[in-house]
Amino acid sequence: MTQPVTLGGRPMMPPPGAPVEELLVARFRSHARRLFWSALVLIGVCGATAFLYGNLEPPFEDWMLLAAAAAAIVLFVIVPFLFWLSRTYTITTRRVIVREGMGSRSRRELSHTRGYSIAVRRGILQRMWGAGTITLSNGVDAPLRLVNVPSVNLVHEALADQVEVNQILAHRDAQSGNAGD
């Protein structure tokens, strides 16, 4: 029986049939460029409120201005930020996990072991920002879309590497299981 290959005393590959520890590869959100318009609205509302406060005509009062500014900030700044914040993408050594939702949370997973195709789509603005949309499809389940992924090429390479490593480990475990029969 061969000894596992080690790097600094730590095994690089687990022995056949041994459980593999699930490690975090990456955790990220979609690109923050979606918040550009929210930031612009925040700057505009703050500037307009500062300019108009105390300078309104008699039928309007300052509390009306502050209420309108607060409503605009909640509707056009805070709500889009919370939607952006509520979706996370996680890549581990075993699977891809997409969590989304503010009130009710949904979670979708796709295992690397089963294998899947990776399609990358990049629009003009996405190319300018180094982002893109990754679609993962295993041919059985509905495709898993990772929308506006920052550093899309790096994430694509990490996903391809994880699929390859997991399939090699699964094949090796299947072969060692058959050899013992």
N, C-alpha and C. Protein backbone atom coordinates (compact mmCIF):
# COMPACT_ATOMS: atom_id res chain seq x y z
N MET A 1 0.85 -1.18 0.00
CA MET A 1 0.00 0.00 0.00
C MET A 1 0.88 1.24 0.00
N THR A 2 0.54 2.22 -0.82
CA THR A 2 1.35 3.43 -0.93
C THR A 2 0.93 4.44 0.13
N GLN A 3 1.90 5.22 0.56
CA GLN A 3 1.66 6.28 1.53
C GLN A 3 1.12 7.52 0.80
N PRO A 4 0.23 8.29 1.45
CA PRO A 4 -0.28 9.49 0.79
C PRO A 4 0.82 10.53 0.62
N VAL A 5 0.75 11.28 -0.47
CA VAL A 5 1.71 12.34 -0.74
C VAL A 5 1.44 13.47 0.23
N THR A 6 2.52 13.98 0.87
CA THR A 6 2.34 15.04 1.87
C THR A 6 3.05 16.31 1.43
N LEU A 7 2.58 17.41 1.98
CA LEU A 7 3.19 18.72 1.77
C LEU A 7 3.32 19.34 3.14
N GLY A 8 4.53 19.42 3.65
CA GLY A 8 4.74 19.98 4.98
C GLY A 8 4.11 19.13 6.07
N GLY A 9 4.08 17.81 5.87
CA GLY A 9 3.51 16.91 6.85
C GLY A 9 2.00 16.75 6.74
N ARG A 10 1.35 17.53 5.89
CA ARG A 10 -0.10 17.45 5.72
C ARG A 10 -0.40 16.74 4.40
N PRO A 11 -1.29 15.75 4.41
CA PRO A 11 -1.56 15.02 3.16
C PRO A 11 -2.21 15.92 2.12
N MET A 12 -1.73 15.82 0.87
CA MET A 12 -2.31 16.59 -0.23
C MET A 12 -3.57 15.92 -0.73
N MET A 13 -3.61 14.61 -0.75
CA MET A 13 -4.78 13.84 -1.18
C MET A 13 -5.13 12.88 -0.07
N PRO A 14 -6.39 12.79 0.28
CA PRO A 14 -6.77 11.83 1.32
C PRO A 14 -6.64 10.42 0.79
N PRO A 15 -6.45 9.47 1.69
CA PRO A 15 -6.38 8.08 1.23
C PRO A 15 -7.73 7.66 0.65
N PRO A 16 -7.73 6.66 -0.24
CA PRO A 16 -8.98 6.23 -0.87
C PRO A 16 -10.02 5.82 0.17
N GLY A 17 -11.25 6.30 -0.03
CA GLY A 17 -12.36 5.95 0.84
C GLY A 17 -12.45 6.78 2.10
N ALA A 18 -11.45 7.60 2.40
CA ALA A 18 -11.49 8.43 3.60
C ALA A 18 -12.40 9.63 3.36
N PRO A 19 -13.13 10.05 4.40
CA PRO A 19 -13.97 11.24 4.22
C PRO A 19 -13.12 12.47 3.97
N VAL A 20 -13.56 13.30 3.05
CA VAL A 20 -12.83 14.50 2.67
C VAL A 20 -13.45 15.69 3.40
N GLU A 21 -12.62 16.44 4.06
CA GLU A 21 -13.07 17.62 4.79
C GLU A 21 -13.57 18.68 3.80
N GLU A 22 -14.71 19.29 4.11
CA GLU A 22 -15.24 20.35 3.25
C GLU A 22 -14.62 21.67 3.67
N LEU A 23 -13.93 22.30 2.74
CA LEU A 23 -13.25 23.57 3.01
C LEU A 23 -13.87 24.68 2.17
N LEU A 24 -13.84 25.88 2.69
CA LEU A 24 -14.35 27.04 1.98
C LEU A 24 -13.33 27.49 0.93
N VAL A 25 -13.76 27.58 -0.31
CA VAL A 25 -12.90 28.07 -1.39
C VAL A 25 -13.12 29.56 -1.58
N ALA A 26 -14.39 29.98 -1.67
CA ALA A 26 -14.71 31.40 -1.86
C ALA A 26 -16.14 31.67 -1.39
N ARG A 27 -16.36 32.86 -0.87
CA ARG A 27 -17.71 33.34 -0.55
C ARG A 27 -17.77 34.79 -1.03
N PHE A 28 -18.78 35.09 -1.83
CA PHE A 28 -18.87 36.43 -2.40
C PHE A 28 -20.31 36.78 -2.69
N ARG A 29 -20.53 38.05 -3.02
CA ARG A 29 -21.83 38.56 -3.45
C ARG A 29 -21.68 39.02 -4.89
N SER A 30 -22.81 39.36 -5.50
CA SER A 30 -22.73 39.89 -6.86
C SER A 30 -21.98 41.22 -6.82
N HIS A 31 -21.55 41.65 -7.98
CA HIS A 31 -20.75 42.87 -8.09
C HIS A 31 -21.52 44.06 -7.53
N ALA A 32 -20.84 44.93 -6.80
CA ALA A 32 -21.48 46.07 -6.13
C ALA A 32 -21.83 47.20 -7.10
N ARG A 33 -21.54 47.04 -8.37
CA ARG A 33 -21.89 48.11 -9.32
C ARG A 33 -23.39 48.32 -9.41
N ARG A 34 -24.17 47.31 -8.99
CA ARG A 34 -25.64 47.47 -8.96
C ARG A 34 -26.05 48.59 -8.04
N LEU A 35 -25.19 48.94 -7.09
CA LEU A 35 -25.51 49.97 -6.11
C LEU A 35 -25.11 51.37 -6.57
N PHE A 36 -24.65 51.49 -7.80
CA PHE A 36 -24.24 52.81 -8.32
C PHE A 36 -25.39 53.80 -8.29
N TRP A 37 -26.55 53.38 -8.81
CA TRP A 37 -27.69 54.31 -8.86
C TRP A 37 -28.18 54.64 -7.46
N SER A 38 -28.11 53.70 -6.56
CA SER A 38 -28.50 53.96 -5.17
C SER A 38 -27.58 55.02 -4.54
N ALA A 39 -26.29 54.90 -4.82
CA ALA A 39 -25.35 55.89 -4.29
C ALA A 39 -25.61 57.26 -4.88
N LEU A 40 -25.93 57.30 -6.17
CA LEU A 40 -26.25 58.57 -6.82
C LEU A 40 -27.51 59.20 -6.23
N VAL A 41 -28.52 58.39 -5.99
CA VAL A 41 -29.76 58.89 -5.38
C VAL A 41 -29.48 59.41 -3.97
N LEU A 42 -28.67 58.70 -3.20
CA LEU A 42 -28.33 59.14 -1.85
C LEU A 42 -27.65 60.49 -1.86
N ILE A 43 -26.69 60.66 -2.76
CA ILE A 43 -25.99 61.94 -2.86
C ILE A 43 -26.95 63.05 -3.27
N GLY A 44 -27.79 62.78 -4.27
CA GLY A 44 -28.75 63.78 -4.74
C GLY A 44 -29.78 64.17 -3.69
N VAL A 45 -30.31 63.18 -2.99
CA VAL A 45 -31.31 63.46 -1.95
C VAL A 45 -30.69 64.26 -0.81
N CYS A 46 -29.50 63.89 -0.39
CA CYS A 46 -28.84 64.64 0.68
C CYS A 46 -28.53 66.07 0.26
N GLY A 47 -28.06 66.23 -0.96
CA GLY A 47 -27.77 67.58 -1.46
C GLY A 47 -29.03 68.43 -1.60
N ALA A 48 -30.08 67.86 -2.16
CA ALA A 48 -31.33 68.60 -2.32
C ALA A 48 -31.96 68.94 -0.98
N THR A 49 -31.90 68.02 -0.04
CA THR A 49 -32.46 68.27 1.29
C THR A 49 -31.69 69.37 2.00
N ALA A 50 -30.37 69.34 1.91
CA ALA A 50 -29.56 70.38 2.54
C ALA A 50 -29.83 71.75 1.92
N PHE A 51 -30.01 71.78 0.60
CA PHE A 51 -30.26 73.05 -0.09
C PHE A 51 -31.65 73.60 0.23
N LEU A 52 -32.67 72.75 0.27
CA LEU A 52 -34.05 73.20 0.45
C LEU A 52 -34.46 73.37 1.91
N TYR A 53 -33.73 72.78 2.84
CA TYR A 53 -34.12 72.85 4.25
C TYR A 53 -34.09 74.31 4.73
N GLY A 54 -35.22 74.79 5.17
CA GLY A 54 -35.35 76.17 5.64
C GLY A 54 -35.65 77.16 4.53
N ASN A 55 -35.70 76.72 3.28
CA ASN A 55 -35.94 77.61 2.14
C ASN A 55 -37.21 77.28 1.38
N LEU A 56 -38.13 76.56 1.99
CA LEU A 56 -39.35 76.15 1.30
C LEU A 56 -40.40 77.25 1.34
N GLU A 57 -41.26 77.25 0.35
CA GLU A 57 -42.37 78.22 0.29
C GLU A 57 -43.37 77.90 1.39
N PRO A 58 -44.22 78.86 1.79
CA PRO A 58 -45.12 78.71 2.93
C PRO A 58 -46.04 77.48 2.95
N PRO A 59 -46.62 76.97 1.85
CA PRO A 59 -47.49 75.81 2.07
C PRO A 59 -46.72 74.54 2.46
N PHE A 60 -45.42 74.51 2.25
CA PHE A 60 -44.60 73.34 2.59
C PHE A 60 -43.82 73.62 3.86
N GLU A 61 -43.57 72.57 4.61
CA GLU A 61 -42.80 72.71 5.84
C GLU A 61 -41.59 71.79 5.78
N ASP A 62 -40.64 72.04 6.66
CA ASP A 62 -39.39 71.27 6.65
C ASP A 62 -39.63 69.80 6.97
N TRP A 63 -40.61 69.49 7.82
CA TRP A 63 -40.86 68.09 8.15
C TRP A 63 -41.33 67.32 6.91
N MET A 64 -42.04 68.02 5.99
CA MET A 64 -42.47 67.37 4.75
C MET A 64 -41.27 67.02 3.88
N LEU A 65 -40.32 67.94 3.84
CA LEU A 65 -39.09 67.71 3.07
C LEU A 65 -38.31 66.53 3.66
N LEU A 66 -38.18 66.50 4.98
CA LEU A 66 -37.45 65.42 5.62
C LEU A 66 -38.15 64.07 5.44
N ALA A 67 -39.49 64.08 5.48
CA ALA A 67 -40.25 62.84 5.27
C ALA A 67 -40.06 62.33 3.85
N ALA A 68 -40.12 63.23 2.87
CA ALA A 68 -39.93 62.83 1.47
C ALA A 68 -38.50 62.31 1.24
N ALA A 69 -37.52 62.97 1.85
CA ALA A 69 -36.13 62.53 1.72
C ALA A 69 -35.94 61.15 2.35
N ALA A 70 -36.54 60.94 3.52
CA ALA A 70 -36.43 59.64 4.19
C ALA A 70 -37.10 58.55 3.35
N ALA A 71 -38.26 58.84 2.79
CA ALA A 71 -38.95 57.85 1.96
C ALA A 71 -38.12 57.50 0.72
N ALA A 72 -37.54 58.52 0.09
CA ALA A 72 -36.71 58.27 -1.09
C ALA A 72 -35.48 57.44 -0.74
N ILE A 73 -34.87 57.73 0.41
CA ILE A 73 -33.68 56.97 0.82
C ILE A 73 -34.05 55.52 1.12
N VAL A 74 -35.16 55.32 1.83
CA VAL A 74 -35.57 53.95 2.14
C VAL A 74 -35.88 53.18 0.85
N LEU A 75 -36.64 53.80 -0.04
CA LEU A 75 -37.11 53.11 -1.25
C LEU A 75 -36.00 52.89 -2.28
N PHE A 76 -35.13 53.88 -2.46
CA PHE A 76 -34.15 53.80 -3.55
C PHE A 76 -32.72 53.50 -3.11
N VAL A 77 -32.47 53.51 -1.78
CA VAL A 77 -31.11 53.23 -1.31
C VAL A 77 -31.09 51.99 -0.41
N ILE A 78 -31.89 51.99 0.63
CA ILE A 78 -31.83 50.90 1.61
C ILE A 78 -32.39 49.59 1.05
N VAL A 79 -33.54 49.65 0.38
CA VAL A 79 -34.14 48.42 -0.16
C VAL A 79 -33.23 47.76 -1.21
N PRO A 80 -32.68 48.50 -2.19
CA PRO A 80 -31.75 47.84 -3.12
C PRO A 80 -30.50 47.29 -2.44
N PHE A 81 -30.01 48.00 -1.42
CA PHE A 81 -28.84 47.50 -0.69
C PHE A 81 -29.17 46.19 0.02
N LEU A 82 -30.34 46.10 0.65
CA LEU A 82 -30.73 44.87 1.34
C LEU A 82 -30.92 43.71 0.36
N PHE A 83 -31.48 43.99 -0.83
CA PHE A 83 -31.60 42.94 -1.84
C PHE A 83 -30.22 42.45 -2.27
N TRP A 84 -29.30 43.37 -2.47
CA TRP A 84 -27.93 43.00 -2.86
C TRP A 84 -27.27 42.19 -1.74
N LEU A 85 -27.48 42.62 -0.50
CA LEU A 85 -26.87 41.97 0.65
C LEU A 85 -27.45 40.58 0.91
N SER A 86 -28.69 40.35 0.47
CA SER A 86 -29.38 39.10 0.81
C SER A 86 -29.00 37.92 -0.06
N ARG A 87 -28.20 38.10 -1.08
CA ARG A 87 -27.79 37.00 -1.96
C ARG A 87 -26.29 36.76 -1.81
N THR A 88 -25.94 35.53 -1.45
CA THR A 88 -24.53 35.17 -1.32
C THR A 88 -24.25 33.90 -2.13
N TYR A 89 -23.05 33.83 -2.63
CA TYR A 89 -22.57 32.66 -3.35
C TYR A 89 -21.41 32.08 -2.56
N THR A 90 -21.43 30.76 -2.34
CA THR A 90 -20.37 30.10 -1.60
C THR A 90 -19.88 28.91 -2.43
N ILE A 91 -18.57 28.82 -2.56
CA ILE A 91 -17.93 27.69 -3.23
C ILE A 91 -17.09 26.98 -2.20
N THR A 92 -17.35 25.70 -2.00
CA THR A 92 -16.55 24.89 -1.10
C THR A 92 -15.86 23.80 -1.92
N THR A 93 -15.13 22.96 -1.24
CA THR A 93 -14.45 21.88 -1.95
C THR A 93 -15.41 20.78 -2.38
N ARG A 94 -16.68 20.83 -1.91
CA ARG A 94 -17.66 19.81 -2.29
C ARG A 94 -18.80 20.32 -3.16
N ARG A 95 -19.17 21.61 -3.03
CA ARG A 95 -20.38 22.08 -3.69
C ARG A 95 -20.38 23.59 -3.89
N VAL A 96 -21.37 24.05 -4.67
CA VAL A 96 -21.65 25.47 -4.86
C VAL A 96 -22.98 25.73 -4.19
N ILE A 97 -23.05 26.77 -3.37
CA ILE A 97 -24.28 27.10 -2.62
C ILE A 97 -24.69 28.52 -2.94
N VAL A 98 -25.97 28.70 -3.31
CA VAL A 98 -26.54 30.02 -3.54
C VAL A 98 -27.63 30.23 -2.50
N ARG A 99 -27.47 31.28 -1.68
CA ARG A 99 -28.48 31.64 -0.69
C ARG A 99 -29.04 33.00 -1.09
N GLU A 100 -30.38 33.10 -1.05
CA GLU A 100 -30.99 34.38 -1.39
C GLU A 100 -32.31 34.56 -0.66
N GLY A 101 -32.72 35.81 -0.53
CA GLY A 101 -33.99 36.12 0.09
C GLY A 101 -33.81 36.94 1.35
N MET A 102 -34.76 37.85 1.57
CA MET A 102 -34.71 38.66 2.79
C MET A 102 -35.66 38.10 3.85
N GLY A 103 -36.93 37.96 3.52
CA GLY A 103 -37.90 37.44 4.48
C GLY A 103 -37.81 35.94 4.58
N SER A 104 -38.06 35.28 3.49
CA SER A 104 -37.90 33.83 3.44
C SER A 104 -36.64 33.53 2.64
N ARG A 105 -35.81 32.68 3.18
CA ARG A 105 -34.54 32.37 2.54
C ARG A 105 -34.68 31.11 1.69
N SER A 106 -34.05 31.13 0.54
CA SER A 106 -33.97 29.92 -0.28
C SER A 106 -32.50 29.58 -0.48
N ARG A 107 -32.25 28.31 -0.67
CA ARG A 107 -30.88 27.83 -0.81
C ARG A 107 -30.86 26.76 -1.89
N ARG A 108 -29.93 26.91 -2.82
CA ARG A 108 -29.74 25.90 -3.87
C ARG A 108 -28.29 25.45 -3.82
N GLU A 109 -28.09 24.17 -4.04
CA GLU A 109 -26.75 23.60 -4.02
C GLU A 109 -26.52 22.77 -5.27
N LEU A 110 -25.27 22.69 -5.67
CA LEU A 110 -24.87 21.85 -6.79
C LEU A 110 -23.54 21.20 -6.41
N SER A 111 -23.52 19.88 -6.43
CA SER A 111 -22.35 19.13 -6.02
C SER A 111 -21.31 19.10 -7.15
N HIS A 112 -20.05 19.26 -6.79
CA HIS A 112 -18.97 19.16 -7.79
C HIS A 112 -18.81 17.73 -8.29
N THR A 113 -19.09 16.76 -7.44
CA THR A 113 -18.86 15.36 -7.79
C THR A 113 -19.70 14.92 -8.98
N ARG A 114 -20.94 15.41 -9.06
CA ARG A 114 -21.81 15.02 -10.17
C ARG A 114 -21.35 15.62 -11.49
N GLY A 115 -20.57 16.68 -11.42
CA GLY A 115 -20.09 17.33 -12.63
C GLY A 115 -21.15 18.23 -13.22
N TYR A 116 -20.73 19.25 -13.90
CA TYR A 116 -21.65 20.19 -14.53
C TYR A 116 -20.90 21.00 -15.58
N SER A 117 -21.67 21.56 -16.50
CA SER A 117 -21.05 22.44 -17.49
C SER A 117 -21.05 23.86 -16.94
N ILE A 118 -20.05 24.62 -17.34
CA ILE A 118 -19.90 25.98 -16.87
C ILE A 118 -19.98 26.91 -18.08
N ALA A 119 -20.98 27.78 -18.08
CA ALA A 119 -21.11 28.77 -19.17
C ALA A 119 -20.95 30.16 -18.57
N VAL A 120 -20.13 30.99 -19.22
CA VAL A 120 -19.89 32.35 -18.75
C VAL A 120 -20.43 33.31 -19.80
N ARG A 121 -21.24 34.26 -19.36
CA ARG A 121 -21.78 35.30 -20.24
C ARG A 121 -21.37 36.65 -19.67
N ARG A 122 -20.81 37.50 -20.54
CA ARG A 122 -20.35 38.82 -20.09
C ARG A 122 -20.86 39.88 -21.05
N GLY A 123 -21.68 40.78 -20.54
CA GLY A 123 -22.13 41.91 -21.33
C GLY A 123 -21.05 42.98 -21.39
N ILE A 124 -21.34 44.06 -22.08
CA ILE A 124 -20.35 45.13 -22.24
C ILE A 124 -19.97 45.74 -20.89
N LEU A 125 -20.97 46.09 -20.08
CA LEU A 125 -20.68 46.68 -18.78
C LEU A 125 -20.00 45.68 -17.85
N GLN A 126 -20.40 44.42 -17.95
CA GLN A 126 -19.77 43.41 -17.12
C GLN A 126 -18.29 43.25 -17.48
N ARG A 127 -17.97 43.31 -18.76
CA ARG A 127 -16.56 43.22 -19.18
C ARG A 127 -15.76 44.40 -18.67
N MET A 128 -16.40 45.59 -18.67
CA MET A 128 -15.70 46.78 -18.17
C MET A 128 -15.34 46.63 -16.68
N TRP A 129 -16.20 45.98 -15.93
CA TRP A 129 -16.00 45.85 -14.49
C TRP A 129 -15.35 44.52 -14.11
N GLY A 130 -15.05 43.66 -15.07
CA GLY A 130 -14.44 42.36 -14.78
C GLY A 130 -15.42 41.36 -14.19
N ALA A 131 -16.70 41.57 -14.44
CA ALA A 131 -17.74 40.70 -13.89
C ALA A 131 -18.34 39.85 -15.00
N GLY A 132 -19.28 38.99 -14.62
CA GLY A 132 -19.98 38.16 -15.60
C GLY A 132 -21.00 37.29 -14.90
N THR A 133 -21.80 36.61 -15.70
CA THR A 133 -22.81 35.70 -15.18
C THR A 133 -22.39 34.28 -15.51
N ILE A 134 -22.33 33.43 -14.48
CA ILE A 134 -21.94 32.04 -14.65
C ILE A 134 -23.18 31.18 -14.52
N THR A 135 -23.38 30.28 -15.48
CA THR A 135 -24.50 29.34 -15.43
C THR A 135 -23.93 27.94 -15.30
N LEU A 136 -24.35 27.24 -14.26
CA LEU A 136 -23.90 25.87 -13.99
C LEU A 136 -25.04 24.93 -14.29
N SER A 137 -24.81 23.95 -15.15
CA SER A 137 -25.87 23.03 -15.54
C SER A 137 -25.35 21.60 -15.52
N ASN A 138 -26.06 20.72 -14.78
CA ASN A 138 -25.65 19.32 -14.72
C ASN A 138 -26.53 18.45 -15.62
N GLY A 139 -27.48 19.05 -16.35
CA GLY A 139 -28.32 18.31 -17.27
C GLY A 139 -29.52 17.65 -16.63
N VAL A 140 -29.62 17.67 -15.30
CA VAL A 140 -30.74 17.06 -14.60
C VAL A 140 -31.58 18.13 -13.92
N ASP A 141 -30.95 18.93 -13.08
CA ASP A 141 -31.64 19.98 -12.34
C ASP A 141 -31.70 21.26 -13.17
N ALA A 142 -32.49 22.21 -12.69
CA ALA A 142 -32.53 23.53 -13.34
C ALA A 142 -31.16 24.18 -13.20
N PRO A 143 -30.73 24.91 -14.23
CA PRO A 143 -29.41 25.54 -14.17
C PRO A 143 -29.29 26.49 -12.98
N LEU A 144 -28.12 26.56 -12.41
CA LEU A 144 -27.82 27.43 -11.28
C LEU A 144 -27.09 28.64 -11.83
N ARG A 145 -27.67 29.82 -11.63
CA ARG A 145 -27.07 31.05 -12.18
C ARG A 145 -26.42 31.86 -11.08
N LEU A 146 -25.18 32.23 -11.31
CA LEU A 146 -24.45 33.14 -10.43
C LEU A 146 -24.36 34.46 -11.19
N VAL A 147 -25.16 35.43 -10.78
CA VAL A 147 -25.34 36.67 -11.54
C VAL A 147 -24.34 37.73 -11.09
N ASN A 148 -23.75 38.43 -12.05
CA ASN A 148 -22.81 39.53 -11.82
C ASN A 148 -21.69 39.15 -10.86
N VAL A 149 -21.02 38.07 -11.18
CA VAL A 149 -19.92 37.57 -10.36
C VAL A 149 -18.69 38.44 -10.57
N PRO A 150 -18.13 39.01 -9.49
CA PRO A 150 -16.89 39.78 -9.65
C PRO A 150 -15.73 38.82 -9.93
N SER A 151 -14.74 39.25 -10.66
CA SER A 151 -13.58 38.42 -11.05
C SER A 151 -14.05 37.09 -11.61
N VAL A 152 -14.89 37.17 -12.63
CA VAL A 152 -15.56 35.99 -13.17
C VAL A 152 -14.58 34.95 -13.70
N ASN A 153 -13.48 35.36 -14.28
CA ASN A 153 -12.51 34.40 -14.81
C ASN A 153 -11.87 33.59 -13.69
N LEU A 154 -11.57 34.23 -12.58
CA LEU A 154 -10.99 33.54 -11.44
C LEU A 154 -11.98 32.54 -10.84
N VAL A 155 -13.25 32.94 -10.72
CA VAL A 155 -14.28 32.05 -10.19
C VAL A 155 -14.49 30.87 -11.14
N HIS A 156 -14.49 31.13 -12.45
CA HIS A 156 -14.63 30.07 -13.45
C HIS A 156 -13.52 29.03 -13.30
N GLU A 157 -12.28 29.50 -13.15
CA GLU A 157 -11.15 28.58 -12.98
C GLU A 157 -11.28 27.77 -11.70
N ALA A 158 -11.72 28.41 -10.61
CA ALA A 158 -11.88 27.71 -9.33
C ALA A 158 -12.96 26.63 -9.44
N LEU A 159 -14.05 26.95 -10.10
CA LEU A 159 -15.12 25.96 -10.28
C LEU A 159 -14.64 24.78 -11.13
N ALA A 160 -13.96 25.07 -12.23
CA ALA A 160 -13.46 24.00 -13.10
C ALA A 160 -12.47 23.12 -12.34
N ASP A 161 -11.60 23.72 -11.53
CA ASP A 161 -10.65 22.94 -10.74
C ASP A 161 -11.36 22.06 -9.72
N GLN A 162 -12.38 22.59 -9.07
CA GLN A 162 -13.10 21.81 -8.06
C GLN A 162 -13.83 20.62 -8.69
N VAL A 163 -14.43 20.83 -9.86
CA VAL A 163 -15.10 19.72 -10.54
C VAL A 163 -14.08 18.65 -10.90
N GLU A 164 -12.95 19.06 -11.43
CA GLU A 164 -11.93 18.09 -11.83
C GLU A 164 -11.41 17.31 -10.63
N VAL A 165 -11.07 17.98 -9.55
CA VAL A 165 -10.54 17.31 -8.36
C VAL A 165 -11.58 16.36 -7.78
N ASN A 166 -12.84 16.80 -7.67
CA ASN A 166 -13.88 15.95 -7.10
C ASN A 166 -14.15 14.73 -7.96
N GLN A 167 -14.11 14.88 -9.27
CA GLN A 167 -14.34 13.73 -10.13
C GLN A 167 -13.16 12.76 -10.08
N ILE A 168 -11.94 13.28 -9.95
CA ILE A 168 -10.78 12.41 -9.80
C ILE A 168 -10.89 11.62 -8.50
N LEU A 169 -11.26 12.30 -7.40
CA LEU A 169 -11.39 11.61 -6.12
C LEU A 169 -12.51 10.56 -6.17
N ALA A 170 -13.64 10.91 -6.79
CA ALA A 170 -14.76 9.97 -6.89
C ALA A 170 -14.36 8.75 -7.73
N HIS A 171 -13.65 8.98 -8.83
CA HIS A 171 -13.20 7.88 -9.68
C HIS A 171 -12.20 7.00 -8.93
N ARG A 172 -11.27 7.64 -8.24
CA ARG A 172 -10.27 6.88 -7.48
C ARG A 172 -10.94 6.05 -6.38
N ASP A 173 -11.91 6.64 -5.67
CA ASP A 173 -12.62 5.90 -4.63
C ASP A 173 -13.42 4.74 -5.22
N ALA A 174 -14.02 4.96 -6.39
CA ALA A 174 -14.77 3.88 -7.03
C ALA A 174 -13.82 2.77 -7.46
N GLN A 175 -12.66 3.12 -7.97
CA GLN A 175 -11.69 2.10 -8.40
C GLN A 175 -11.15 1.31 -7.22
N SER A 176 -10.86 2.02 -6.11
CA SER A 176 -10.33 1.29 -4.94
C SER A 176 -11.40 0.44 -4.30
N GLY A 177 -12.68 0.84 -4.41
CA GLY A 177 -13.78 0.03 -3.91
C GLY A 177 -13.96 -1.22 -4.74
N ASN A 178 -13.78 -1.12 -6.04
CA ASN A 178 -13.90 -2.28 -6.92
C ASN A 178 -12.72 -3.22 -6.77
N ALA A 179 -11.54 -2.68 -6.46
CA ALA A 179 -10.35 -3.52 -6.33
C ALA A 179 -10.44 -4.42 -5.10
N GLY A 180 -11.17 -3.96 -4.06
CA GLY A 180 -11.30 -4.77 -2.85
C GLY A 180 -12.34 -5.86 -3.00
N ASP A 181 -13.17 -5.86 -4.05
CA ASP A 181 -14.23 -6.85 -4.23
C ASP A 181 -13.71 -8.16 -4.74
